[in-house]
PDB file of N, CA and C in Angstrom:
ATOM      1  N   UNK A   1     239.202-159.039 -35.721  1.00  0.00           N
ATOM      2  CA  UNK A   1     239.852-158.854 -34.293  1.00  0.00           C
ATOM      3  C   UNK A   1     238.677-158.311 -33.316  1.00  0.00           C
ATOM      4  N   UNK A   2     238.361-158.937 -32.208  1.00  0.00           N
ATOM      5  CA  UNK A   2     237.485-158.626 -31.229  1.00  0.00           C
ATOM      6  C   UNK A   2     237.917-157.657 -30.385  1.00  0.00           C
ATOM      7  N   UNK A   3     237.115-156.619 -29.981  1.00  0.00           N
ATOM      8  CA  UNK A   3     237.591-155.513 -29.188  1.00  0.00           C
ATOM      9  C   UNK A   3     237.470-155.943 -27.620  1.00  0.00           C
ATOM     10  N   UNK A   4     238.434-155.541 -26.890  1.00  0.00           N
ATOM     11  CA  UNK A   4     238.375-155.934 -25.499  1.00  0.00           C
ATOM     12  C   UNK A   4     237.485-155.157 -24.527  1.00  0.00           C
ATOM     13  N   UNK A   5     236.551-155.719 -23.875  1.00  0.00           N
ATOM     14  CA  UNK A   5     235.670-154.929 -23.036  1.00  0.00           C
ATOM     15  C   UNK A   5     235.861-155.345 -21.638  1.00  0.00           C
ATOM     16  N   UNK A   6     236.552-154.314 -20.805  1.00  0.00           N
ATOM     17  CA  UNK A   6     236.923-154.636 -19.508  1.00  0.00           C
ATOM     18  C   UNK A   6     235.843-154.887 -18.431  1.00  0.00           C
ATOM     19  N   UNK A   7     234.668-154.496 -18.885  1.00  0.00           N
ATOM     20  CA  UNK A   7     233.403-154.479 -17.991  1.00  0.00           C
ATOM     21  C   UNK A   7     232.632-155.673 -18.063  1.00  0.00           C
ATOM     22  N   UNK A   8     232.233-156.332 -16.868  1.00  0.00           N
ATOM     23  CA  UNK A   8     231.311-157.218 -16.717  1.00  0.00           C
ATOM     24  C   UNK A   8     230.080-156.524 -16.262  1.00  0.00           C
ATOM     25  N   UNK A   9     229.032-156.374 -17.034  1.00  0.00           N
ATOM     26  CA  UNK A   9     227.998-155.563 -16.674  1.00  0.00           C
ATOM     27  C   UNK A   9     226.689-156.458 -16.314  1.00  0.00           C
ATOM     28  N   UNK A  10     226.002-156.305 -15.280  1.00  0.00           N
ATOM     29  CA  UNK A  10     224.817-156.964 -14.874  1.00  0.00           C
ATOM     30  C   UNK A  10     223.829-155.887 -14.765  1.00  0.00           C
ATOM     31  N   UNK A  11     222.672-155.963 -15.583  1.00  0.00           N
ATOM     32  CA  UNK A  11     221.651-155.031 -15.481  1.00  0.00           C
ATOM     33  C   UNK A  11     220.566-155.848 -14.857  1.00  0.00           C
ATOM     34  N   UNK A  12     219.950-155.128 -13.689  1.00  0.00           N
ATOM     35  CA  UNK A  12     218.988-155.899 -12.866  1.00  0.00           C
ATOM     36  C   UNK A  12     217.786-154.896 -12.414  1.00  0.00           C
ATOM     37  N   UNK A  13     216.822-155.491 -12.107  1.00  0.00           N
ATOM     38  CA  UNK A  13     215.626-154.881 -11.439  1.00  0.00           C
ATOM     39  C   UNK A  13     215.374-155.424 -10.038  1.00  0.00           C
ATOM     40  N   UNK A  14     215.062-154.613  -9.176  1.00  0.00           N
ATOM     41  CA  UNK A  14     214.668-154.915  -7.871  1.00  0.00           C
ATOM     42  C   UNK A  14     213.180-154.585  -7.731  1.00  0.00           C
ATOM     43  N   UNK A  15     212.347-155.335  -7.089  1.00  0.00           N
ATOM     44  CA  UNK A  15     211.017-155.044  -6.719  1.00  0.00           C
ATOM     45  C   UNK A  15     210.949-154.591  -5.248  1.00  0.00           C
ATOM     46  N   UNK A  16     210.588-153.307  -5.127  1.00  0.00           N
ATOM     47  CA  UNK A  16     210.453-152.884  -3.660  1.00  0.00           C
ATOM     48  C   UNK A  16     209.023-152.272  -3.594  1.00  0.00           C
ATOM     49  N   UNK A  17     208.321-152.836  -2.657  1.00  0.00           N
ATOM     50  CA  UNK A  17     206.963-152.341  -2.327  1.00  0.00           C
ATOM     51  C   UNK A  17     206.139-152.186  -3.605  1.00  0.00           C
ATOM     52  N   UNK A  18     206.182-153.204  -4.470  1.00  0.00           N
ATOM     53  CA  UNK A  18     205.534-153.238  -5.660  1.00  0.00           C
ATOM     54  C   UNK A  18     206.001-152.470  -6.903  1.00  0.00           C
ATOM     55  N   UNK A  19     207.181-151.630  -6.630  1.00  0.00           N
ATOM     56  CA  UNK A  19     207.662-150.846  -7.615  1.00  0.00           C
ATOM     57  C   UNK A  19     208.998-151.425  -8.269  1.00  0.00           C
ATOM     58  N   UNK A  20     209.219-151.367  -9.640  1.00  0.00           N
ATOM     59  CA  UNK A  20     210.381-151.967 -10.220  1.00  0.00           C
ATOM     60  C   UNK A  20     211.468-150.884 -10.359  1.00  0.00           C
ATOM     61  N   UNK A  21     212.724-151.159  -9.838  1.00  0.00           N
ATOM     62  CA  UNK A  21     213.704-150.186  -9.848  1.00  0.00           C
ATOM     63  C   UNK A  21     214.896-150.935 -10.522  1.00  0.00           C
ATOM     64  N   UNK A  22     215.527-150.209 -11.336  1.00  0.00           N
ATOM     65  CA  UNK A  22     216.699-150.531 -12.346  1.00  0.00           C
ATOM     66  C   UNK A  22     217.997-150.185 -11.791  1.00  0.00           C
ATOM     67  N   UNK A  23     219.031-151.092 -11.739  1.00  0.00           N
ATOM     68  CA  UNK A  23     220.375-150.779 -11.452  1.00  0.00           C
ATOM     69  C   UNK A  23     221.408-151.550 -12.216  1.00  0.00           C
ATOM     70  N   UNK A  24     222.440-150.984 -12.452  1.00  0.00           N
ATOM     71  CA  UNK A  24     223.589-151.754 -13.023  1.00  0.00           C
ATOM     72  C   UNK A  24     224.611-152.028 -12.041  1.00  0.00           C
ATOM     73  N   UNK A  25     225.269-153.209 -12.123  1.00  0.00           N
ATOM     74  CA  UNK A  25     226.292-153.701 -11.215  1.00  0.00           C
ATOM     75  C   UNK A  25     227.442-154.216 -12.130  1.00  0.00           C
ATOM     76  N   UNK A  26     228.446-153.325 -12.257  1.00  0.00           N
ATOM     77  CA  UNK A  26     229.619-153.551 -13.017  1.00  0.00           C
ATOM     78  C   UNK A  26     230.910-154.080 -12.347  1.00  0.00           C
ATOM     79  N   UNK A  27     231.625-154.902 -12.960  1.00  0.00           N
ATOM     80  CA  UNK A  27     233.020-155.282 -12.541  1.00  0.00           C
ATOM     81  C   UNK A  27     232.802-155.957 -11.073  1.00  0.00           C
ATOM     82  N   UNK A  28     231.971-156.844 -10.960  1.00  0.00           N
ATOM     83  CA  UNK A  28     231.632-157.563  -9.727  1.00  0.00           C
ATOM     84  C   UNK A  28     232.923-158.336  -9.081  1.00  0.00           C
ATOM     85  N   UNK A  29     233.846-158.561  -9.831  1.00  0.00           N
ATOM     86  CA  UNK A  29     234.972-159.187  -9.410  1.00  0.00           C
ATOM     87  C   UNK A  29     235.975-158.394  -8.541  1.00  0.00           C
ATOM     88  N   UNK A  30     235.813-156.974  -8.734  1.00  0.00           N
ATOM     89  CA  UNK A  30     236.550-155.969  -7.904  1.00  0.00           C
ATOM     90  C   UNK A  30     236.103-155.964  -6.484  1.00  0.00           C
ATOM     91  N   UNK A  31     236.941-155.728  -5.497  1.00  0.00           N
ATOM     92  CA  UNK A  31     236.541-155.586  -4.180  1.00  0.00           C
ATOM     93  C   UNK A  31     236.171-154.229  -3.739  1.00  0.00           C
ATOM     94  N   UNK A  32     236.839-153.187  -4.257  1.00  0.00           N
ATOM     95  CA  UNK A  32     236.512-151.758  -4.010  1.00  0.00           C
ATOM     96  C   UNK A  32     235.223-151.363  -4.856  1.00  0.00           C
ATOM     97  N   UNK A  33     234.317-150.779  -4.127  1.00  0.00           N
ATOM     98  CA  UNK A  33     233.019-150.539  -4.655  1.00  0.00           C
ATOM     99  C   UNK A  33     232.875-149.000  -4.761  1.00  0.00           C
ATOM    100  N   UNK A  34     232.286-148.452  -5.951  1.00  0.00           N
ATOM    101  CA  UNK A  34     231.887-147.071  -5.945  1.00  0.00           C
ATOM    102  C   UNK A  34     230.471-147.057  -6.460  1.00  0.00           C
ATOM    103  N   UNK A  35     229.612-146.299  -5.657  1.00  0.00           N
ATOM    104  CA  UNK A  35     228.235-146.119  -5.885  1.00  0.00           C
ATOM    105  C   UNK A  35     228.163-144.688  -6.664  1.00  0.00           C
ATOM    106  N   UNK A  36     227.598-144.790  -7.876  1.00  0.00           N
ATOM    107  CA  UNK A  36     227.360-143.603  -8.616  1.00  0.00           C
ATOM    108  C   UNK A  36     226.056-143.299  -8.739  1.00  0.00           C
ATOM    109  N   UNK A  37     225.643-142.239  -8.099  1.00  0.00           N
ATOM    110  CA  UNK A  37     224.193-141.615  -7.967  1.00  0.00           C
ATOM    111  C   UNK A  37     224.093-140.426  -8.872  1.00  0.00           C
ATOM    112  N   UNK A  38     223.100-140.499  -9.792  1.00  0.00           N
ATOM    113  CA  UNK A  38     222.886-139.305 -10.669  1.00  0.00           C
ATOM    114  C   UNK A  38     221.723-138.637 -10.210  1.00  0.00           C
ATOM    115  N   UNK A  39     221.600-137.395 -10.538  1.00  0.00           N
ATOM    116  CA  UNK A  39     220.413-136.490 -10.256  1.00  0.00           C
ATOM    117  C   UNK A  39     219.718-136.018 -11.418  1.00  0.00           C
ATOM    118  N   UNK A  40     218.926-135.165 -11.379  1.00  0.00           N
ATOM    119  CA  UNK A  40     218.071-134.529 -12.446  1.00  0.00           C
ATOM    120  C   UNK A  40     218.962-133.792 -13.469  1.00  0.00           C
ATOM    121  N   UNK A  41     218.655-134.065 -14.859  1.00  0.00           N
ATOM    122  CA  UNK A  41     217.567-134.769 -15.389  1.00  0.00           C
ATOM    123  C   UNK A  41     218.178-136.080 -15.950  1.00  0.00           C
ATOM    124  N   UNK A  42     219.216-136.588 -15.448  1.00  0.00           N
ATOM    125  CA  UNK A  42     219.976-137.841 -16.072  1.00  0.00           C
ATOM    126  C   UNK A  42     219.402-139.175 -15.741  1.00  0.00           C
ATOM    127  N   UNK A  43     220.071-140.159 -16.265  1.00  0.00           N
ATOM    128  CA  UNK A  43     220.024-141.464 -15.900  1.00  0.00           C
ATOM    129  C   UNK A  43     221.403-142.077 -15.796  1.00  0.00           C
ATOM    130  N   UNK A  44     221.507-143.391 -15.552  1.00  0.00           N
ATOM    131  CA  UNK A  44     222.874-143.895 -15.312  1.00  0.00           C
ATOM    132  C   UNK A  44     223.848-143.822 -16.375  1.00  0.00           C
ATOM    133  N   UNK A  45     223.420-143.412 -17.663  1.00  0.00           N
ATOM    134  CA  UNK A  45     224.308-143.184 -18.795  1.00  0.00           C
ATOM    135  C   UNK A  45     225.148-142.012 -18.574  1.00  0.00           C
ATOM    136  N   UNK A  46     224.761-141.095 -17.686  1.00  0.00           N
ATOM    137  CA  UNK A  46     225.599-139.743 -17.421  1.00  0.00           C
ATOM    138  C   UNK A  46     227.067-140.230 -16.894  1.00  0.00           C
ATOM    139  N   UNK A  47     227.139-141.354 -16.415  1.00  0.00           N
ATOM    140  CA  UNK A  47     228.512-141.813 -15.917  1.00  0.00           C
ATOM    141  C   UNK A  47     229.426-142.444 -17.018  1.00  0.00           C
ATOM    142  N   UNK A  48     228.753-142.521 -18.181  1.00  0.00           N
ATOM    143  CA  UNK A  48     229.555-143.221 -19.281  1.00  0.00           C
ATOM    144  C   UNK A  48     230.985-142.816 -19.523  1.00  0.00           C
ATOM    145  N   UNK A  49     231.253-141.381 -19.630  1.00  0.00           N
ATOM    146  CA  UNK A  49     232.448-140.947 -19.768  1.00  0.00           C
ATOM    147  C   UNK A  49     233.534-141.274 -18.580  1.00  0.00           C
ATOM    148  N   UNK A  50     233.051-141.564 -17.438  1.00  0.00           N
ATOM    149  CA  UNK A  50     233.948-141.985 -16.365  1.00  0.00           C
ATOM    150  C   UNK A  50     234.228-143.330 -16.237  1.00  0.00           C
ATOM    151  N   UNK A  51     233.604-144.371 -16.940  1.00  0.00           N
ATOM    152  CA  UNK A  51     233.603-145.765 -16.740  1.00  0.00           C
ATOM    153  C   UNK A  51     235.006-146.282 -17.042  1.00  0.00           C
ATOM    154  N   UNK A  52     235.597-145.736 -18.036  1.00  0.00           N
ATOM    155  CA  UNK A  52     236.974-146.257 -18.291  1.00  0.00           C
ATOM    156  C   UNK A  52     237.991-145.972 -17.137  1.00  0.00           C
ATOM    157  N   UNK A  53     237.939-144.731 -16.629  1.00  0.00           N
ATOM    158  CA  UNK A  53     238.784-144.288 -15.634  1.00  0.00           C
ATOM    159  C   UNK A  53     238.513-145.081 -14.244  1.00  0.00           C
ATOM    160  N   UNK A  54     237.284-145.704 -14.177  1.00  0.00           N
ATOM    161  CA  UNK A  54     236.944-146.446 -12.892  1.00  0.00           C
ATOM    162  C   UNK A  54     236.848-147.999 -13.280  1.00  0.00           C
ATOM    163  N   UNK A  55     237.522-148.396 -14.317  1.00  0.00           N
ATOM    164  CA  UNK A  55     237.452-149.842 -14.536  1.00  0.00           C
ATOM    165  C   UNK A  55     238.016-150.783 -13.631  1.00  0.00           C
ATOM    166  N   UNK A  56     238.846-150.252 -12.610  1.00  0.00           N
ATOM    167  CA  UNK A  56     239.433-151.086 -11.569  1.00  0.00           C
ATOM    168  C   UNK A  56     238.645-151.173 -10.317  1.00  0.00           C
ATOM    169  N   UNK A  57     237.252-150.720 -10.338  1.00  0.00           N
ATOM    170  CA  UNK A  57     236.403-150.785  -9.180  1.00  0.00           C
ATOM    171  C   UNK A  57     235.156-151.460  -9.617  1.00  0.00           C
ATOM    172  N   UNK A  58     234.498-152.084  -8.621  1.00  0.00           N
ATOM    173  CA  UNK A  58     232.953-152.461  -8.905  1.00  0.00           C
ATOM    174  C   UNK A  58     232.223-151.233  -8.848  1.00  0.00           C
ATOM    175  N   UNK A  59     231.393-151.098  -9.813  1.00  0.00           N
ATOM    176  CA  UNK A  59     230.470-149.857  -9.975  1.00  0.00           C
ATOM    177  C   UNK A  59     229.017-150.193  -9.781  1.00  0.00           C
ATOM    178  N   UNK A  60     228.296-149.477  -9.023  1.00  0.00           N
ATOM    179  CA  UNK A  60     226.955-149.818  -8.835  1.00  0.00           C
ATOM    180  C   UNK A  60     226.200-148.450  -9.334  1.00  0.00           C
ATOM    181  N   UNK A  61     225.301-148.434 -10.328  1.00  0.00           N
ATOM    182  CA  UNK A  61     224.585-147.361 -10.900  1.00  0.00           C
ATOM    183  C   UNK A  61     223.113-147.554 -10.713  1.00  0.00           C
ATOM    184  N   UNK A  62     222.456-146.914  -9.729  1.00  0.00           N
ATOM    185  CA  UNK A  62     220.971-147.074  -9.589  1.00  0.00           C
ATOM    186  C   UNK A  62     220.404-145.966 -10.318  1.00  0.00           C
ATOM    187  N   UNK A  63     219.070-146.270 -10.954  1.00  0.00           N
ATOM    188  CA  UNK A  63     218.191-145.306 -11.444  1.00  0.00           C
ATOM    189  C   UNK A  63     217.047-145.004 -10.519  1.00  0.00           C
ATOM    190  N   UNK A  64     216.849-143.832  -9.872  1.00  0.00           N
ATOM    191  CA  UNK A  64     215.846-143.670  -8.964  1.00  0.00           C
ATOM    192  C   UNK A  64     214.538-143.604  -9.766  1.00  0.00           C
ATOM    193  N   UNK A  65     213.331-143.654  -9.097  1.00  0.00           N
ATOM    194  CA  UNK A  65     212.063-143.694  -9.669  1.00  0.00           C
ATOM    195  C   UNK A  65     211.841-142.614 -10.735  1.00  0.00           C
ATOM    196  N   UNK A  66     211.353-143.069 -11.928  1.00  0.00           N
ATOM    197  CA  UNK A  66     211.120-142.039 -12.802  1.00  0.00           C
ATOM    198  C   UNK A  66     212.267-141.566 -13.688  1.00  0.00           C
ATOM    199  N   UNK A  67     213.361-142.272 -13.515  1.00  0.00           N
ATOM    200  CA  UNK A  67     214.521-141.988 -14.405  1.00  0.00           C
ATOM    201  C   UNK A  67     215.052-143.265 -14.930  1.00  0.00           C
ATOM    202  N   UNK A  68     215.732-143.041 -16.124  1.00  0.00           N
ATOM    203  CA  UNK A  68     216.134-144.195 -16.867  1.00  0.00           C
ATOM    204  C   UNK A  68     215.234-145.318 -17.034  1.00  0.00           C
ATOM    205  N   UNK A  69     215.714-146.507 -16.611  1.00  0.00           N
ATOM    206  CA  UNK A  69     214.809-147.788 -16.802  1.00  0.00           C
ATOM    207  C   UNK A  69     213.987-147.940 -15.645  1.00  0.00           C
ATOM    208  N   UNK A  70     213.952-147.209 -14.561  1.00  0.00           N
ATOM    209  CA  UNK A  70     213.242-147.338 -13.485  1.00  0.00           C
ATOM    210  C   UNK A  70     211.862-146.449 -13.804  1.00  0.00           C
ATOM    211  N   UNK A  71     210.644-147.149 -13.650  1.00  0.00           N
ATOM    212  CA  UNK A  71     209.517-146.436 -14.192  1.00  0.00           C
ATOM    213  C   UNK A  71     208.809-145.736 -12.958  1.00  0.00           C
ATOM    214  N   UNK A  72     208.094-144.730 -13.332  1.00  0.00           N
ATOM    215  CA  UNK A  72     207.242-144.149 -12.385  1.00  0.00           C
ATOM    216  C   UNK A  72     205.927-144.804 -12.339  1.00  0.00           C
ATOM    217  N   UNK A  73     205.508-145.113 -11.128  1.00  0.00           N
ATOM    218  CA  UNK A  73     204.291-145.855 -10.901  1.00  0.00           C
ATOM    219  C   UNK A  73     202.980-145.260 -11.652  1.00  0.00           C
ATOM    220  N   UNK A  74     202.232-146.009 -12.147  1.00  0.00           N
ATOM    221  CA  UNK A  74     201.009-145.499 -12.797  1.00  0.00           C
ATOM    222  C   UNK A  74     200.066-145.114 -11.669  1.00  0.00           C
ATOM    223  N   UNK A  75     199.503-143.805 -11.930  1.00  0.00           N
ATOM    224  CA  UNK A  75     198.498-143.360 -11.044  1.00  0.00           C
ATOM    225  C   UNK A  75     199.185-142.574  -9.868  1.00  0.00           C
ATOM    226  N   UNK A  76     200.518-142.535  -9.759  1.00  0.00           N
ATOM    227  CA  UNK A  76     201.202-141.771  -8.834  1.00  0.00           C
ATOM    228  C   UNK A  76     201.894-140.541  -9.482  1.00  0.00           C
ATOM    229  N   UNK A  77     201.566-139.334  -9.115  1.00  0.00           N
ATOM    230  CA  UNK A  77     202.165-138.169  -9.888  1.00  0.00           C
ATOM    231  C   UNK A  77     203.344-137.658  -9.037  1.00  0.00           C
ATOM    232  N   UNK A  78     204.305-137.128  -9.691  1.00  0.00           N
ATOM    233  CA  UNK A  78     205.359-136.631  -8.988  1.00  0.00           C
ATOM    234  C   UNK A  78     204.853-135.415  -8.126  1.00  0.00           C
ATOM    235  N   UNK A  79     205.651-135.080  -7.165  1.00  0.00           N
ATOM    236  CA  UNK A  79     205.349-134.001  -6.208  1.00  0.00           C
ATOM    237  C   UNK A  79     205.083-132.652  -7.002  1.00  0.00           C
ATOM    238  N   UNK A  80     204.057-131.983  -6.757  1.00  0.00           N
ATOM    239  CA  UNK A  80     203.676-130.647  -7.222  1.00  0.00           C
ATOM    240  C   UNK A  80     203.519-129.716  -6.073  1.00  0.00           C
ATOM    241  N   UNK A  81     203.859-128.466  -6.395  1.00  0.00           N
ATOM    242  CA  UNK A  81     203.522-127.317  -5.419  1.00  0.00           C
ATOM    243  C   UNK A  81     204.664-126.319  -5.396  1.00  0.00           C
ATOM    244  N   UNK A  82     204.222-125.171  -4.994  1.00  0.00           N
ATOM    245  CA  UNK A  82     205.190-124.039  -4.771  1.00  0.00           C
ATOM    246  C   UNK A  82     206.109-124.381  -3.660  1.00  0.00           C
ATOM    247  N   UNK A  83     207.456-123.944  -3.767  1.00  0.00           N
ATOM    248  CA  UNK A  83     208.334-124.019  -2.735  1.00  0.00           C
ATOM    249  C   UNK A  83     208.958-125.399  -2.553  1.00  0.00           C
ATOM    250  N   UNK A  84     208.735-126.363  -3.381  1.00  0.00           N
ATOM    251  CA  UNK A  84     209.377-127.670  -3.377  1.00  0.00           C
ATOM    252  C   UNK A  84     210.598-127.590  -4.329  1.00  0.00           C
ATOM    253  N   UNK A  85     211.639-127.903  -3.701  1.00  0.00           N
ATOM    254  CA  UNK A  85     212.974-127.904  -4.464  1.00  0.00           C
ATOM    255  C   UNK A  85     213.028-128.924  -5.570  1.00  0.00           C
ATOM    256  N   UNK A  86     213.805-128.632  -6.674  1.00  0.00           N
ATOM    257  CA  UNK A  86     213.725-129.629  -7.848  1.00  0.00           C
ATOM    258  C   UNK A  86     213.924-131.099  -7.355  1.00  0.00           C
ATOM    259  N   UNK A  87     214.950-131.362  -6.504  1.00  0.00           N
ATOM    260  CA  UNK A  87     215.247-132.681  -6.058  1.00  0.00           C
ATOM    261  C   UNK A  87     213.953-133.407  -5.577  1.00  0.00           C
ATOM    262  N   UNK A  88     213.301-132.684  -4.563  1.00  0.00           N
ATOM    263  CA  UNK A  88     212.125-133.215  -3.957  1.00  0.00           C
ATOM    264  C   UNK A  88     210.891-133.365  -4.991  1.00  0.00           C
ATOM    265  N   UNK A  89     210.822-132.367  -5.969  1.00  0.00           N
ATOM    266  CA  UNK A  89     209.880-132.393  -6.923  1.00  0.00           C
ATOM    267  C   UNK A  89     210.032-133.619  -7.862  1.00  0.00           C
ATOM    268  N   UNK A  90     211.176-133.938  -8.203  1.00  0.00           N
ATOM    269  CA  UNK A  90     211.542-135.025  -9.222  1.00  0.00           C
ATOM    270  C   UNK A  90     211.419-136.355  -8.639  1.00  0.00           C
ATOM    271  N   UNK A  91     211.919-136.573  -7.425  1.00  0.00           N
ATOM    272  CA  UNK A  91     211.935-137.874  -6.706  1.00  0.00           C
ATOM    273  C   UNK A  91     210.534-137.804  -5.942  1.00  0.00           C
ATOM    274  N   UNK A  92     210.175-138.913  -5.629  1.00  0.00           N
ATOM    275  CA  UNK A  92     208.840-138.945  -4.867  1.00  0.00           C
ATOM    276  C   UNK A  92     209.222-138.338  -3.519  1.00  0.00           C
ATOM    277  N   UNK A  93     210.401-138.647  -2.979  1.00  0.00           N
ATOM    278  CA  UNK A  93     210.840-137.979  -1.787  1.00  0.00           C
ATOM    279  C   UNK A  93     212.254-138.428  -1.686  1.00  0.00           C
ATOM    280  N   UNK A  94     213.060-137.560  -0.926  1.00  0.00           N
ATOM    281  CA  UNK A  94     214.545-137.879  -0.488  1.00  0.00           C
ATOM    282  C   UNK A  94     214.507-139.134   0.184  1.00  0.00           C
ATOM    283  N   UNK A  95     213.561-139.306   1.089  1.00  0.00           N
ATOM    284  CA  UNK A  95     213.593-140.445   2.038  1.00  0.00           C
ATOM    285  C   UNK A  95     213.321-141.863   1.131  1.00  0.00           C
ATOM    286  N   UNK A  96     212.459-141.723   0.199  1.00  0.00           N
ATOM    287  CA  UNK A  96     212.297-142.848  -0.688  1.00  0.00           C
ATOM    288  C   UNK A  96     213.577-143.203  -1.387  1.00  0.00           C
ATOM    289  N   UNK A  97     214.220-142.182  -2.008  1.00  0.00           N
ATOM    290  CA  UNK A  97     215.615-142.292  -2.597  1.00  0.00           C
ATOM    291  C   UNK A  97     216.519-143.052  -1.721  1.00  0.00           C
ATOM    292  N   UNK A  98     216.728-142.517  -0.568  1.00  0.00           N
ATOM    293  CA  UNK A  98     217.576-143.029   0.564  1.00  0.00           C
ATOM    294  C   UNK A  98     217.246-144.563   0.785  1.00  0.00           C
ATOM    295  N   UNK A  99     215.963-144.867   0.773  1.00  0.00           N
ATOM    296  CA  UNK A  99     215.476-146.232   1.200  1.00  0.00           C
ATOM    297  C   UNK A  99     215.887-147.090  -0.032  1.00  0.00           C
ATOM    298  N   UNK A 100     215.649-146.645  -1.306  1.00  0.00           N
ATOM    299  CA  UNK A 100     215.983-147.381  -2.286  1.00  0.00           C
ATOM    300  C   UNK A 100     217.646-147.802  -2.385  1.00  0.00           C
ATOM    301  N   UNK A 101     218.266-146.708  -2.190  1.00  0.00           N
ATOM    302  CA  UNK A 101     219.846-146.914  -2.281  1.00  0.00           C
ATOM    303  C   UNK A 101     220.291-147.985  -1.085  1.00  0.00           C
ATOM    304  N   UNK A 102     219.591-147.811   0.029  1.00  0.00           N
ATOM    305  CA  UNK A 102     219.942-148.539   1.104  1.00  0.00           C
ATOM    306  C   UNK A 102     219.499-150.064   0.798  1.00  0.00           C
ATOM    307  N   UNK A 103     218.390-150.279   0.106  1.00  0.00           N
ATOM    308  CA  UNK A 103     217.938-151.737  -0.248  1.00  0.00           C
ATOM    309  C   UNK A 103     218.899-152.269  -1.292  1.00  0.00           C
ATOM    310  N   UNK A 104     219.417-151.428  -2.238  1.00  0.00           N
ATOM    311  CA  UNK A 104     220.395-151.979  -3.312  1.00  0.00           C
ATOM    312  C   UNK A 104     221.611-152.392  -2.629  1.00  0.00           C
ATOM    313  N   UNK A 105     222.050-151.571  -1.697  1.00  0.00           N
ATOM    314  CA  UNK A 105     223.292-151.892  -1.024  1.00  0.00           C
ATOM    315  C   UNK A 105     223.101-153.129   0.003  1.00  0.00           C
ATOM    316  N   UNK A 106     221.970-153.238   0.549  1.00  0.00           N
ATOM    317  CA  UNK A 106     221.696-154.288   1.436  1.00  0.00           C
ATOM    318  C   UNK A 106     221.655-155.747   0.520  1.00  0.00           C
ATOM    319  N   UNK A 107     221.087-155.645  -0.569  1.00  0.00           N
ATOM    320  CA  UNK A 107     221.164-156.915  -1.452  1.00  0.00           C
ATOM    321  C   UNK A 107     222.540-157.203  -2.010  1.00  0.00           C
ATOM    322  N   UNK A 108     223.170-156.223  -2.384  1.00  0.00           N
ATOM    323  CA  UNK A 108     224.479-156.494  -3.000  1.00  0.00           C
ATOM    324  C   UNK A 108     225.573-156.676  -1.949  1.00  0.00           C
ATOM    325  N   UNK A 109     225.376-156.179  -0.758  1.00  0.00           N
ATOM    326  CA  UNK A 109     226.331-156.450   0.303  1.00  0.00           C
ATOM    327  C   UNK A 109     227.744-155.985   0.032  1.00  0.00           C
ATOM    328  N   UNK A 110     228.026-154.850  -0.429  1.00  0.00           N
ATOM    329  CA  UNK A 110     229.465-154.439  -0.467  1.00  0.00           C
ATOM    330  C   UNK A 110     229.958-154.243   0.947  1.00  0.00           C
ATOM    331  N   UNK A 111     231.253-154.472   1.198  1.00  0.00           N
ATOM    332  CA  UNK A 111     231.907-154.344   2.564  1.00  0.00           C
ATOM    333  C   UNK A 111     231.877-152.907   2.773  1.00  0.00           C
ATOM    334  N   UNK A 112     232.507-152.026   1.753  1.00  0.00           N
ATOM    335  CA  UNK A 112     232.751-150.673   2.015  1.00  0.00           C
ATOM    336  C   UNK A 112     232.589-149.995   0.633  1.00  0.00           C
ATOM    337  N   UNK A 113     232.035-148.774   0.661  1.00  0.00           N
ATOM    338  CA  UNK A 113     231.741-148.089  -0.586  1.00  0.00           C
ATOM    339  C   UNK A 113     232.314-146.707  -0.616  1.00  0.00           C
ATOM    340  N   UNK A 114     232.575-146.227  -1.865  1.00  0.00           N
ATOM    341  CA  UNK A 114     232.866-144.894  -2.093  1.00  0.00           C
ATOM    342  C   UNK A 114     231.597-144.220  -2.847  1.00  0.00           C
ATOM    343  N   UNK A 115     231.122-143.242  -2.494  1.00  0.00           N
ATOM    344  CA  UNK A 115     229.930-142.585  -3.150  1.00  0.00           C
ATOM    345  C   UNK A 115     230.197-141.364  -4.008  1.00  0.00           C
ATOM    346  N   UNK A 116     229.882-141.361  -5.213  1.00  0.00           N
ATOM    347  CA  UNK A 116     229.922-140.143  -6.087  1.00  0.00           C
ATOM    348  C   UNK A 116     228.455-139.837  -6.361  1.00  0.00           C
ATOM    349  N   UNK A 117     228.212-138.475  -6.363  1.00  0.00           N
ATOM    350  CA  UNK A 117     226.867-138.033  -6.614  1.00  0.00           C
ATOM    351  C   UNK A 117     227.013-136.832  -7.603  1.00  0.00           C
ATOM    352  N   UNK A 118     226.152-136.701  -8.346  1.00  0.00           N
ATOM    353  CA  UNK A 118     226.158-135.636  -9.426  1.00  0.00           C
ATOM    354  C   UNK A 118     224.756-135.175  -9.684  1.00  0.00           C
ATOM    355  N   UNK A 119     224.522-133.800  -9.558  1.00  0.00           N
ATOM    356  CA  UNK A 119     223.220-133.279  -9.896  1.00  0.00           C
ATOM    357  C   UNK A 119     223.417-131.950 -10.783  1.00  0.00           C
ATOM    358  N   UNK A 120     222.424-131.601 -11.618  1.00  0.00           N
ATOM    359  CA  UNK A 120     222.702-130.388 -12.355  1.00  0.00           C
ATOM    360  C   UNK A 120     222.242-129.129 -11.555  1.00  0.00           C
TER     361      UNK A 120
END
């Protein structure tokens, strides 16, 4: 007997300004879209326990630079210095993260989205 898998999962990469970014796009056939954004120190798998409860939605799960399957560019170090918060320290910048999310949404063109964010 074959197990039923309610998810249709597309794992994709985007090339943005020479960097490769990973995201998952699940359940594309659903109209309602939830964007699941993780924070430090996780990757998109942090949402695994919620996927079953969200199976009636299209789910977009991006990995910011340096997390999960999105790589940190060679030769570029993460921010260092006193007084820089963890989020700014671990992403290249909040502006870059916002630009990446905006690009993913521009390419996938969801009509309307619900956003869930989680950080430690």
